[in-house]
Structures are given as C-alpha cells and as structure tokens.
Amino acid sequence: LKLIPFFDADTASTERARDFWWCFETATEGFGDLVRLRMFAARMNGWVAERWGLNLRFGDFETLKRRLYNRFIRLTEEELLKRLFDANQER
C-alpha cells in the first residue's frame, strides 16, 4: 500500500489521474476485488474522495475502473477545447 501515492481527487488533473491509476493497478495486480476496492478508498484524499468513500458500493474492480475513468480521465469536448485554449494562451 505504501507504494501507491495518495490521490487528491479535488485538484487532480487528467495526467495525475492516469499516473495514479497506472500505479494503483500495477501495485494491486493479483489481489481480489474487495481488497483492491479498500486499498483504493484508503489512497483517496479530498472532498470528492469522501463522497466516493461513503458511496463505495462498487461490486467489482471493473466498475471502479470505469467510474474513475469517466470521472477523472475522460475529457469532454468542452474540457479538451478549454485545455487547448489555455495552452495557447501560455505560449
């Protein structure tokens, strides 16, 4: 568990979410779904994480993976355009 960094869900960028997920999935490979779900809840920080912890009724690891991807990693078209616009503004 110490190998997995904490994930601050309130301030997470897409890149940080991807990095966290890769690290988490690699470190917990071979464990059962229930153990992985508990480890996931233990490594989350922030208000969003508290809400997820209270509602952690995912039955299996694949459901958790899909929900994390949809919430933190997948960008909507609007978010992608905003990110591109902000990157151009910084140049």
N, C-alpha and C. Protein backbone atom coordinates (compact mmCIF):
# COMPACT_ATOMS: atom_id res chain seq x y z
N LEU A 1 0.82 -1.20 0.00
CA LEU A 1 0.00 0.00 0.00
C LEU A 1 0.86 1.26 0.00
N LYS A 2 2.02 1.19 0.59
CA LYS A 2 2.89 2.37 0.65
C LYS A 2 3.45 2.75 -0.71
N LEU A 3 3.46 1.83 -1.65
CA LEU A 3 3.96 2.13 -2.99
C LEU A 3 3.00 2.99 -3.79
N ILE A 4 1.74 3.00 -3.40
CA ILE A 4 0.72 3.73 -4.15
C ILE A 4 0.62 5.14 -3.58
N PRO A 5 0.79 6.17 -4.42
CA PRO A 5 0.69 7.54 -3.92
C PRO A 5 -0.75 7.89 -3.57
N PHE A 6 -0.91 8.92 -2.75
CA PHE A 6 -2.25 9.41 -2.46
C PHE A 6 -2.77 10.15 -3.68
N PHE A 7 -4.06 10.13 -3.87
CA PHE A 7 -4.71 10.79 -5.00
C PHE A 7 -5.66 11.84 -4.45
N ASP A 8 -5.34 13.11 -4.70
CA ASP A 8 -6.21 14.20 -4.26
C ASP A 8 -7.25 14.45 -5.34
N ALA A 9 -8.43 13.95 -5.12
CA ALA A 9 -9.49 14.00 -6.13
C ALA A 9 -9.99 15.41 -6.40
N ASP A 10 -9.80 16.32 -5.46
CA ASP A 10 -10.30 17.69 -5.64
C ASP A 10 -9.47 18.49 -6.63
N THR A 11 -8.18 18.24 -6.68
CA THR A 11 -7.30 19.04 -7.53
C THR A 11 -6.62 18.21 -8.61
N ALA A 12 -7.11 17.04 -8.88
CA ALA A 12 -6.44 16.13 -9.81
C ALA A 12 -6.59 16.58 -11.26
N SER A 13 -5.49 16.52 -11.97
CA SER A 13 -5.52 16.73 -13.41
C SER A 13 -5.68 15.37 -14.07
N THR A 14 -5.95 15.40 -15.34
CA THR A 14 -6.10 14.14 -16.08
C THR A 14 -4.82 13.34 -16.04
N GLU A 15 -3.68 14.02 -16.17
CA GLU A 15 -2.39 13.32 -16.15
C GLU A 15 -2.13 12.67 -14.80
N ARG A 16 -2.42 13.41 -13.73
CA ARG A 16 -2.22 12.83 -12.39
C ARG A 16 -3.14 11.65 -12.16
N ALA A 17 -4.36 11.73 -12.66
CA ALA A 17 -5.30 10.62 -12.52
C ALA A 17 -4.80 9.40 -13.27
N ARG A 18 -4.28 9.60 -14.47
CA ARG A 18 -3.73 8.48 -15.24
C ARG A 18 -2.53 7.86 -14.53
N ASP A 19 -1.64 8.71 -14.03
CA ASP A 19 -0.46 8.21 -13.32
C ASP A 19 -0.86 7.44 -12.06
N PHE A 20 -1.79 8.00 -11.30
CA PHE A 20 -2.26 7.31 -10.10
C PHE A 20 -2.86 5.97 -10.47
N TRP A 21 -3.71 5.95 -11.49
CA TRP A 21 -4.40 4.71 -11.85
C TRP A 21 -3.40 3.65 -12.30
N TRP A 22 -2.41 4.05 -13.10
CA TRP A 22 -1.41 3.09 -13.56
C TRP A 22 -0.67 2.50 -12.36
N CYS A 23 -0.26 3.37 -11.45
CA CYS A 23 0.47 2.93 -10.26
C CYS A 23 -0.40 2.03 -9.40
N PHE A 24 -1.64 2.42 -9.19
CA PHE A 24 -2.57 1.64 -8.37
C PHE A 24 -2.83 0.27 -8.98
N GLU A 25 -3.13 0.26 -10.28
CA GLU A 25 -3.46 -1.01 -10.93
C GLU A 25 -2.26 -1.96 -10.94
N THR A 26 -1.08 -1.42 -11.17
CA THR A 26 0.13 -2.23 -11.18
C THR A 26 0.44 -2.80 -9.79
N ALA A 27 0.32 -1.96 -8.77
CA ALA A 27 0.66 -2.38 -7.40
C ALA A 27 -0.34 -3.37 -6.81
N THR A 28 -1.58 -3.33 -7.28
CA THR A 28 -2.61 -4.20 -6.70
C THR A 28 -2.95 -5.39 -7.58
N GLU A 29 -2.19 -5.57 -8.63
CA GLU A 29 -2.44 -6.71 -9.52
C GLU A 29 -2.30 -8.01 -8.74
N GLY A 30 -3.24 -8.89 -8.91
CA GLY A 30 -3.20 -10.17 -8.22
C GLY A 30 -4.03 -10.22 -6.94
N PHE A 31 -4.45 -9.06 -6.45
CA PHE A 31 -5.32 -9.02 -5.27
C PHE A 31 -6.77 -9.21 -5.69
N GLY A 32 -7.61 -9.61 -4.77
CA GLY A 32 -9.03 -9.75 -5.03
C GLY A 32 -9.72 -8.39 -5.14
N ASP A 33 -10.91 -8.40 -5.70
CA ASP A 33 -11.64 -7.15 -5.91
C ASP A 33 -11.91 -6.40 -4.62
N LEU A 34 -12.30 -7.08 -3.57
CA LEU A 34 -12.62 -6.42 -2.31
C LEU A 34 -11.40 -5.73 -1.72
N VAL A 35 -10.26 -6.38 -1.77
CA VAL A 35 -9.01 -5.80 -1.25
C VAL A 35 -8.64 -4.58 -2.08
N ARG A 36 -8.76 -4.68 -3.40
CA ARG A 36 -8.43 -3.55 -4.27
C ARG A 36 -9.35 -2.36 -4.01
N LEU A 37 -10.62 -2.61 -3.79
CA LEU A 37 -11.55 -1.52 -3.52
C LEU A 37 -11.21 -0.82 -2.21
N ARG A 38 -10.85 -1.59 -1.19
CA ARG A 38 -10.47 -0.99 0.10
C ARG A 38 -9.16 -0.21 -0.01
N MET A 39 -8.22 -0.73 -0.77
CA MET A 39 -6.96 -0.02 -0.97
C MET A 39 -7.19 1.28 -1.73
N PHE A 40 -8.08 1.25 -2.69
CA PHE A 40 -8.41 2.46 -3.45
C PHE A 40 -8.99 3.53 -2.52
N ALA A 41 -9.93 3.14 -1.69
CA ALA A 41 -10.55 4.09 -0.76
C ALA A 41 -9.51 4.67 0.21
N ALA A 42 -8.53 3.87 0.59
CA ALA A 42 -7.51 4.31 1.53
C ALA A 42 -6.54 5.32 0.92
N ARG A 43 -6.40 5.33 -0.40
CA ARG A 43 -5.44 6.22 -1.05
C ARG A 43 -6.06 7.49 -1.61
N MET A 44 -7.35 7.70 -1.41
CA MET A 44 -8.02 8.90 -1.93
C MET A 44 -8.03 9.99 -0.86
N ASN A 45 -7.88 11.24 -1.29
CA ASN A 45 -7.94 12.42 -0.43
C ASN A 45 -8.94 13.41 -0.99
N GLY A 46 -9.45 14.28 -0.15
CA GLY A 46 -10.29 15.37 -0.61
C GLY A 46 -11.78 15.12 -0.43
N TRP A 47 -12.55 16.19 -0.71
CA TRP A 47 -13.99 16.14 -0.53
C TRP A 47 -14.63 15.13 -1.48
N VAL A 48 -14.20 15.12 -2.73
CA VAL A 48 -14.73 14.16 -3.71
C VAL A 48 -14.45 12.74 -3.24
N ALA A 49 -13.27 12.53 -2.68
CA ALA A 49 -12.91 11.20 -2.19
C ALA A 49 -13.81 10.78 -1.03
N GLU A 50 -14.15 11.71 -0.17
CA GLU A 50 -15.06 11.38 0.94
C GLU A 50 -16.42 10.93 0.41
N ARG A 51 -16.91 11.65 -0.58
CA ARG A 51 -18.19 11.25 -1.19
C ARG A 51 -18.08 9.87 -1.82
N TRP A 52 -16.99 9.61 -2.51
CA TRP A 52 -16.78 8.30 -3.12
C TRP A 52 -16.68 7.23 -2.05
N GLY A 53 -15.97 7.54 -0.95
CA GLY A 53 -15.82 6.57 0.13
C GLY A 53 -17.14 6.20 0.77
N LEU A 54 -18.00 7.19 0.94
CA LEU A 54 -19.31 6.92 1.52
C LEU A 54 -20.20 6.14 0.57
N ASN A 55 -20.00 6.33 -0.71
CA ASN A 55 -20.83 5.66 -1.71
C ASN A 55 -20.10 4.51 -2.38
N LEU A 56 -19.08 3.99 -1.74
CA LEU A 56 -18.28 2.92 -2.35
C LEU A 56 -19.05 1.60 -2.28
N ARG A 57 -19.97 1.50 -3.19
CA ARG A 57 -20.78 0.28 -3.27
C ARG A 57 -20.51 -0.45 -4.57
N PHE A 58 -19.34 -0.23 -5.11
CA PHE A 58 -18.99 -0.89 -6.36
C PHE A 58 -18.85 -2.37 -6.07
N GLY A 59 -19.45 -3.18 -6.88
CA GLY A 59 -19.40 -4.61 -6.65
C GLY A 59 -18.10 -5.26 -7.08
N ASP A 60 -17.44 -4.64 -8.06
CA ASP A 60 -16.21 -5.25 -8.56
C ASP A 60 -15.22 -4.17 -9.01
N PHE A 61 -14.04 -4.62 -9.32
CA PHE A 61 -12.96 -3.72 -9.69
C PHE A 61 -13.21 -3.05 -11.03
N GLU A 62 -13.82 -3.74 -11.97
CA GLU A 62 -14.08 -3.17 -13.29
C GLU A 62 -15.04 -1.98 -13.20
N THR A 63 -16.01 -2.04 -12.32
CA THR A 63 -16.93 -0.91 -12.14
C THR A 63 -16.18 0.30 -11.59
N LEU A 64 -15.30 0.07 -10.62
CA LEU A 64 -14.48 1.15 -10.08
C LEU A 64 -13.62 1.76 -11.18
N LYS A 65 -12.99 0.93 -11.98
CA LYS A 65 -12.12 1.39 -13.06
C LYS A 65 -12.90 2.26 -14.04
N ARG A 66 -14.07 1.82 -14.42
CA ARG A 66 -14.91 2.56 -15.37
C ARG A 66 -15.33 3.90 -14.78
N ARG A 67 -15.73 3.92 -13.52
CA ARG A 67 -16.19 5.17 -12.90
C ARG A 67 -15.04 6.15 -12.70
N LEU A 68 -13.87 5.68 -12.31
CA LEU A 68 -12.72 6.57 -12.17
C LEU A 68 -12.36 7.16 -13.53
N TYR A 69 -12.36 6.33 -14.55
CA TYR A 69 -12.04 6.81 -15.89
C TYR A 69 -13.04 7.88 -16.32
N ASN A 70 -14.33 7.62 -16.13
CA ASN A 70 -15.35 8.58 -16.55
C ASN A 70 -15.30 9.87 -15.75
N ARG A 71 -14.92 9.80 -14.49
CA ARG A 71 -14.92 10.99 -13.63
C ARG A 71 -13.66 11.83 -13.77
N PHE A 72 -12.51 11.19 -13.89
CA PHE A 72 -11.25 11.93 -13.82
C PHE A 72 -10.42 11.91 -15.09
N ILE A 73 -10.51 10.89 -15.89
CA ILE A 73 -9.58 10.75 -17.01
C ILE A 73 -10.21 11.19 -18.33
N ARG A 74 -11.42 10.78 -18.59
CA ARG A 74 -12.06 11.13 -19.85
C ARG A 74 -12.42 12.61 -19.84
N LEU A 75 -12.03 13.30 -20.89
CA LEU A 75 -12.35 14.71 -21.01
C LEU A 75 -13.54 14.90 -21.95
N THR A 76 -14.41 15.81 -21.59
CA THR A 76 -15.48 16.17 -22.51
C THR A 76 -14.89 17.05 -23.60
N GLU A 77 -15.62 17.24 -24.66
CA GLU A 77 -15.14 18.07 -25.76
C GLU A 77 -14.87 19.50 -25.27
N GLU A 78 -15.73 20.00 -24.42
CA GLU A 78 -15.57 21.35 -23.88
C GLU A 78 -14.30 21.46 -23.03
N GLU A 79 -14.04 20.47 -22.20
CA GLU A 79 -12.84 20.48 -21.36
C GLU A 79 -11.58 20.39 -22.21
N LEU A 80 -11.62 19.59 -23.26
CA LEU A 80 -10.47 19.46 -24.15
C LEU A 80 -10.19 20.78 -24.86
N LEU A 81 -11.22 21.44 -25.36
CA LEU A 81 -11.04 22.74 -26.02
C LEU A 81 -10.52 23.78 -25.05
N LYS A 82 -11.01 23.77 -23.82
CA LYS A 82 -10.53 24.72 -22.81
C LYS A 82 -9.05 24.49 -22.51
N ARG A 83 -8.66 23.24 -22.40
CA ARG A 83 -7.26 22.91 -22.14
C ARG A 83 -6.37 23.38 -23.30
N LEU A 84 -6.81 23.17 -24.54
CA LEU A 84 -6.05 23.62 -25.70
C LEU A 84 -5.96 25.14 -25.73
N PHE A 85 -7.05 25.82 -25.44
CA PHE A 85 -7.07 27.28 -25.41
C PHE A 85 -6.11 27.81 -24.35
N ASP A 86 -6.14 27.23 -23.16
CA ASP A 86 -5.25 27.64 -22.08
C ASP A 86 -3.79 27.42 -22.45
N ALA A 87 -3.50 26.32 -23.14
CA ALA A 87 -2.13 26.03 -23.55
C ALA A 87 -1.65 27.06 -24.55
N ASN A 88 -2.52 27.48 -25.47
CA ASN A 88 -2.15 28.51 -26.44
C ASN A 88 -1.93 29.85 -25.76
N GLN A 89 -2.71 30.16 -24.74
CA GLN A 89 -2.57 31.42 -24.01
C GLN A 89 -1.23 31.50 -23.28
N GLU A 90 -0.74 30.36 -22.82
CA GLU A 90 0.53 30.33 -22.08
C GLU A 90 1.73 30.57 -22.98
N ARG A 91 1.58 30.28 -24.27
CA ARG A 91 2.70 30.48 -25.21
C ARG A 91 2.84 31.91 -25.47
